[in-house]
Protein backbone atom coordinates (compact mmCIF):
# COMPACT_ATOMS: atom_id res chain seq x y z
CA MET A 1 -201.65 -50.50 106.86
CA ASN A 2 -200.76 -53.82 105.23
CA THR A 3 -199.66 -56.23 107.94
CA ASP A 4 -198.43 -58.72 105.36
CA ASN A 5 -195.80 -56.27 104.13
CA VAL A 6 -194.71 -55.50 107.69
CA SER A 7 -194.21 -59.17 108.57
CA THR A 8 -192.45 -59.78 105.25
CA ASP A 9 -190.03 -56.89 105.86
CA ARG A 10 -189.46 -57.75 109.50
CA GLY A 11 -188.58 -61.38 108.80
CA PRO A 12 -185.75 -60.72 106.30
CA ALA A 13 -184.44 -57.88 108.46
CA LEU A 14 -183.71 -60.40 111.21
CA ARG A 15 -182.05 -62.90 108.88
CA ILE A 16 -178.25 -62.74 108.64
CA PRO A 17 -175.57 -64.95 107.11
CA ARG A 18 -173.96 -67.34 109.58
CA SER A 19 -170.58 -65.81 108.77
CA ARG A 20 -171.65 -62.52 110.39
CA GLY A 21 -170.84 -63.70 113.93
CA ALA A 22 -168.61 -66.64 113.03
CA LEU A 23 -165.18 -65.22 113.86
CA GLY A 24 -166.07 -63.60 117.16
CA GLY A 25 -168.32 -66.49 118.14
CA LEU A 26 -165.59 -69.06 117.47
CA ALA A 27 -163.08 -67.06 119.51
CA VAL A 28 -165.55 -66.75 122.40
CA PHE A 29 -166.35 -70.47 122.18
CA LEU A 30 -162.68 -71.50 122.40
CA LEU A 31 -161.95 -69.04 125.20
CA GLY A 32 -164.96 -70.36 127.12
CA ILE A 33 -163.62 -73.91 126.86
CA TRP A 34 -160.28 -72.71 128.17
CA GLY A 35 -161.85 -70.86 131.09
CA ALA A 36 -164.04 -73.79 132.13
CA LEU A 37 -161.35 -76.50 131.88
CA ILE A 38 -158.07 -74.82 132.84
CA PRO A 39 -158.70 -74.96 136.63
CA PHE A 40 -159.06 -78.75 136.39
CA VAL A 41 -156.29 -79.60 133.91
CA GLY A 42 -153.83 -76.82 134.78
CA PRO A 43 -152.35 -78.70 137.76
CA TYR A 44 -151.01 -81.34 135.36
CA PHE A 45 -148.65 -78.65 134.01
CA ASP A 46 -147.97 -76.85 137.29
CA PHE A 47 -150.24 -74.06 136.01
CA ALA A 48 -152.95 -73.51 138.58
CA PHE A 49 -154.37 -71.76 141.59
CA THR A 50 -154.63 -73.52 144.91
CA PRO A 51 -155.80 -76.18 145.47
CA ASP A 52 -153.33 -77.34 142.81
CA ASP A 53 -154.90 -80.78 142.31
CA ALA A 54 -156.40 -81.83 138.99
CA TRP A 55 -160.17 -82.30 138.73
CA VAL A 56 -160.89 -81.00 142.22
CA TRP A 57 -164.24 -79.21 142.47
CA THR A 58 -164.60 -76.19 144.71
CA SER A 59 -167.37 -73.66 145.08
CA ALA A 60 -165.11 -70.87 143.84
CA ARG A 61 -164.16 -72.80 140.71
CA GLY A 62 -167.80 -73.48 139.97
CA TRP A 63 -168.96 -69.88 140.37
CA LEU A 64 -165.92 -68.00 139.07
CA GLU A 65 -164.61 -70.24 136.28
CA VAL A 66 -167.00 -73.01 135.22
CA LEU A 67 -170.14 -70.85 135.19
CA PRO A 68 -168.75 -68.01 133.05
CA GLY A 69 -166.90 -70.53 130.88
CA VAL A 70 -170.10 -72.43 130.09
CA ALA A 71 -171.93 -69.14 129.47
CA ALA A 72 -169.22 -68.12 127.00
CA ILE A 73 -169.44 -71.51 125.26
CA ILE A 74 -173.22 -71.20 124.83
CA GLY A 75 -172.94 -67.59 123.70
CA GLY A 76 -170.23 -68.44 121.19
CA LEU A 77 -172.29 -71.29 119.74
CA LEU A 78 -175.32 -69.02 119.32
CA MET A 79 -173.18 -66.43 117.57
CA VAL A 80 -171.69 -69.00 115.20
CA MET A 81 -174.72 -71.12 114.37
CA SER A 82 -177.70 -68.75 114.41
CA ARG A 83 -178.98 -66.99 111.28
CA ASN A 84 -181.36 -64.86 113.34
CA ARG A 85 -180.08 -61.45 114.38
CA LEU A 86 -181.86 -61.50 117.75
CA VAL A 87 -180.60 -64.96 118.71
CA ALA A 88 -177.04 -64.16 117.68
CA SER A 89 -177.20 -60.86 119.58
CA PHE A 90 -178.43 -62.69 122.68
CA GLY A 91 -175.39 -64.98 122.38
CA GLY A 92 -173.17 -61.91 122.15
CA TRP A 93 -174.65 -60.36 125.28
CA LEU A 94 -174.36 -63.67 127.12
CA ALA A 95 -170.69 -63.89 126.14
CA ALA A 96 -170.13 -60.28 127.21
CA ALA A 97 -171.64 -61.03 130.63
CA ALA A 98 -169.36 -64.07 130.94
CA GLY A 99 -166.29 -61.99 130.13
CA LEU A 100 -167.31 -59.31 132.61
CA TRP A 101 -167.82 -61.92 135.33
CA PHE A 102 -164.34 -63.35 134.71
CA ILE A 103 -162.97 -59.87 135.42
CA ILE A 104 -165.02 -58.76 138.43
CA GLY A 105 -165.88 -62.16 139.91
CA PRO A 106 -162.64 -62.59 141.89
CA PHE A 107 -163.14 -59.18 143.52
CA LEU A 108 -166.70 -60.07 144.60
CA ALA A 109 -165.99 -63.63 145.76
CA ASP A 110 -165.55 -62.73 149.42
CA THR A 111 -168.45 -60.28 149.42
CA LEU A 112 -170.83 -62.84 147.91
CA SER A 113 -169.41 -65.71 150.04
CA ILE A 114 -168.96 -68.01 147.03
CA GLY A 115 -165.53 -69.27 148.03
CA ALA A 116 -161.93 -68.21 147.85
CA VAL A 117 -160.16 -67.93 144.52
CA GLY A 118 -156.96 -69.37 145.92
CA ASP A 119 -153.36 -68.37 145.46
CA PRO A 120 -151.47 -68.69 142.18
CA VAL A 121 -148.99 -71.56 142.25
CA ALA A 122 -145.95 -69.52 141.31
CA THR A 123 -142.63 -68.52 142.83
CA GLY A 124 -142.05 -65.45 140.67
CA ASP A 125 -144.03 -62.32 139.94
CA LEU A 126 -144.08 -62.98 136.18
CA LYS A 127 -145.76 -66.38 136.45
CA ARG A 128 -148.16 -65.03 139.06
CA ALA A 129 -149.21 -62.27 136.68
CA ILE A 130 -149.58 -64.74 133.80
CA LEU A 131 -151.80 -66.99 135.91
CA GLN A 132 -154.04 -64.12 136.93
CA LEU A 133 -154.34 -62.92 133.33
CA THR A 134 -154.99 -66.32 131.74
CA PHE A 135 -157.41 -67.53 134.41
CA PHE A 136 -159.42 -64.36 135.02
CA TYR A 137 -158.62 -60.80 133.97
CA GLY A 138 -156.99 -61.24 130.57
CA LEU A 139 -159.34 -64.08 129.66
CA GLY A 140 -162.38 -62.01 130.56
CA ALA A 141 -161.07 -59.01 128.64
CA LEU A 142 -160.59 -61.10 125.48
CA ILE A 143 -164.08 -62.61 125.72
CA LEU A 144 -165.56 -59.17 126.31
CA PHE A 145 -163.64 -57.76 123.32
CA PHE A 146 -164.78 -60.43 120.86
CA ALA A 147 -168.34 -60.28 122.15
CA ALA A 148 -168.47 -56.49 121.85
CA THR A 149 -167.05 -56.44 118.31
CA SER A 150 -169.52 -59.12 117.23
CA LEU A 151 -172.42 -57.20 118.76
CA GLY A 152 -171.30 -54.14 116.83
CA ARG A 153 -171.37 -56.08 113.57
CA LEU A 154 -174.73 -57.64 114.38
CA SER A 155 -176.30 -54.26 115.12
CA VAL A 156 -175.58 -52.95 111.62
CA ARG A 157 -177.59 -54.05 108.61
CA SER A 158 -175.03 -54.10 105.82
CA ALA A 159 -175.49 -54.32 102.06
CA ARG A 160 -174.59 -57.99 102.31
CA ASP A 161 -177.44 -58.56 104.75
CA ILE A 162 -179.87 -56.80 102.41
CA ALA A 163 -178.73 -58.94 99.48
CA PHE A 164 -179.03 -62.06 101.64
CA ALA A 165 -182.58 -61.11 102.65
CA ARG A 166 -183.56 -60.36 99.05
CA ARG A 167 -182.32 -63.78 97.96
CA GLU A 168 -184.57 -65.43 100.53
CA VAL A 169 -187.57 -63.31 99.53
CA ASP A 170 -187.00 -64.11 95.85
CA ALA A 171 -186.67 -67.79 96.73
CA ARG A 172 -189.98 -67.79 98.59
CA THR A 173 -191.84 -65.99 95.83
CA ALA A 174 -190.39 -68.26 93.12
CA LEU A 175 -192.22 -71.31 94.49
CA PRO A 176 -195.91 -70.52 95.06
CA GLY A 177 -197.28 -72.80 97.75
CA GLY A 178 -193.95 -74.61 98.11
CA ASP A 179 -191.75 -75.34 101.10
CA HIS A 180 -190.38 -71.93 102.00
CA THR A 181 -188.13 -73.21 104.75
CA ALA A 182 -186.18 -75.48 102.47
CA VAL A 183 -185.75 -72.72 99.94
CA ALA A 184 -184.62 -70.20 102.54
CA ASP A 185 -181.88 -72.53 103.74
CA ALA A 186 -180.56 -73.14 100.24
CA PRO A 187 -177.20 -71.36 99.81
CA GLY A 188 -177.49 -70.55 96.12
CA PRO A 189 -180.08 -68.83 93.96
CA VAL A 190 -183.25 -70.63 93.02
CA GLN A 191 -183.17 -72.18 89.56
CA THR A 192 -186.37 -72.27 87.61
CA ALA A 193 -187.33 -74.90 85.08
CA PRO A 194 -186.34 -74.22 81.44
CA ARG A 195 -189.00 -72.90 79.15
CA THR A 196 -190.67 -75.29 76.76
CA SER A 197 -192.23 -74.64 73.41
CA GLU A 198 -195.56 -74.04 75.11
CA THR A 199 -194.24 -71.14 77.18
CA HIS A 200 -191.78 -69.73 74.65
CA PRO A 201 -193.31 -69.10 71.23
CA ARG A 202 -189.91 -68.91 69.49
CA LEU A 203 -189.20 -72.56 70.28
CA HIS A 204 -192.38 -73.76 68.50
CA LYS A 205 -191.54 -75.33 65.17
CA PRO A 206 -194.11 -75.04 62.38
CA GLY A 207 -195.65 -78.19 61.00
CA LEU A 208 -194.89 -79.66 57.65
CA GLY A 209 -198.07 -78.36 56.17
CA SER A 210 -197.51 -74.75 57.14
CA ALA A 211 -196.80 -72.22 54.44
């Protein structure tokens, strides 16, 4: 068994275009920012849970909103920026865990003794429902949706991925002993130097003394 062929095939198989997880990763990233910041800036707009004071830290906000929000931000960044299938998939699973925690965290807060979620600052049922959806349940469902769809795309090796991997293999083989990393990161195909008269016999002009 040729180990060189195995390592060569395994490397390109893990390489993906950055656009593969860009859309879902960007959505998860933005939703994570919302989830981590809304409990602190929401009181400015009368859109909050108690305590309805801006930039007030509580144990419940840290465990139930900041922690999953930061996890979603990190997961979204990994999904957007990584060109490695395993790293991007790890970001997707991290984002999925963050979305799940946004959904089930409020139900487990009392059991785990991590603090009380608080009451929605609302006088009507509609605003109360909107607060619960945008702070926890709906937010978590959206993060979980985008993370799951991105994981589904990352788990499939498409024709575009194969073409992308072949470009990188061709780029590495085109420069013997060269810097493979720089070539692999190049977006376009590798251009070789034009042939001269020494390498192309048709370009050689006969001398004046030739018959």
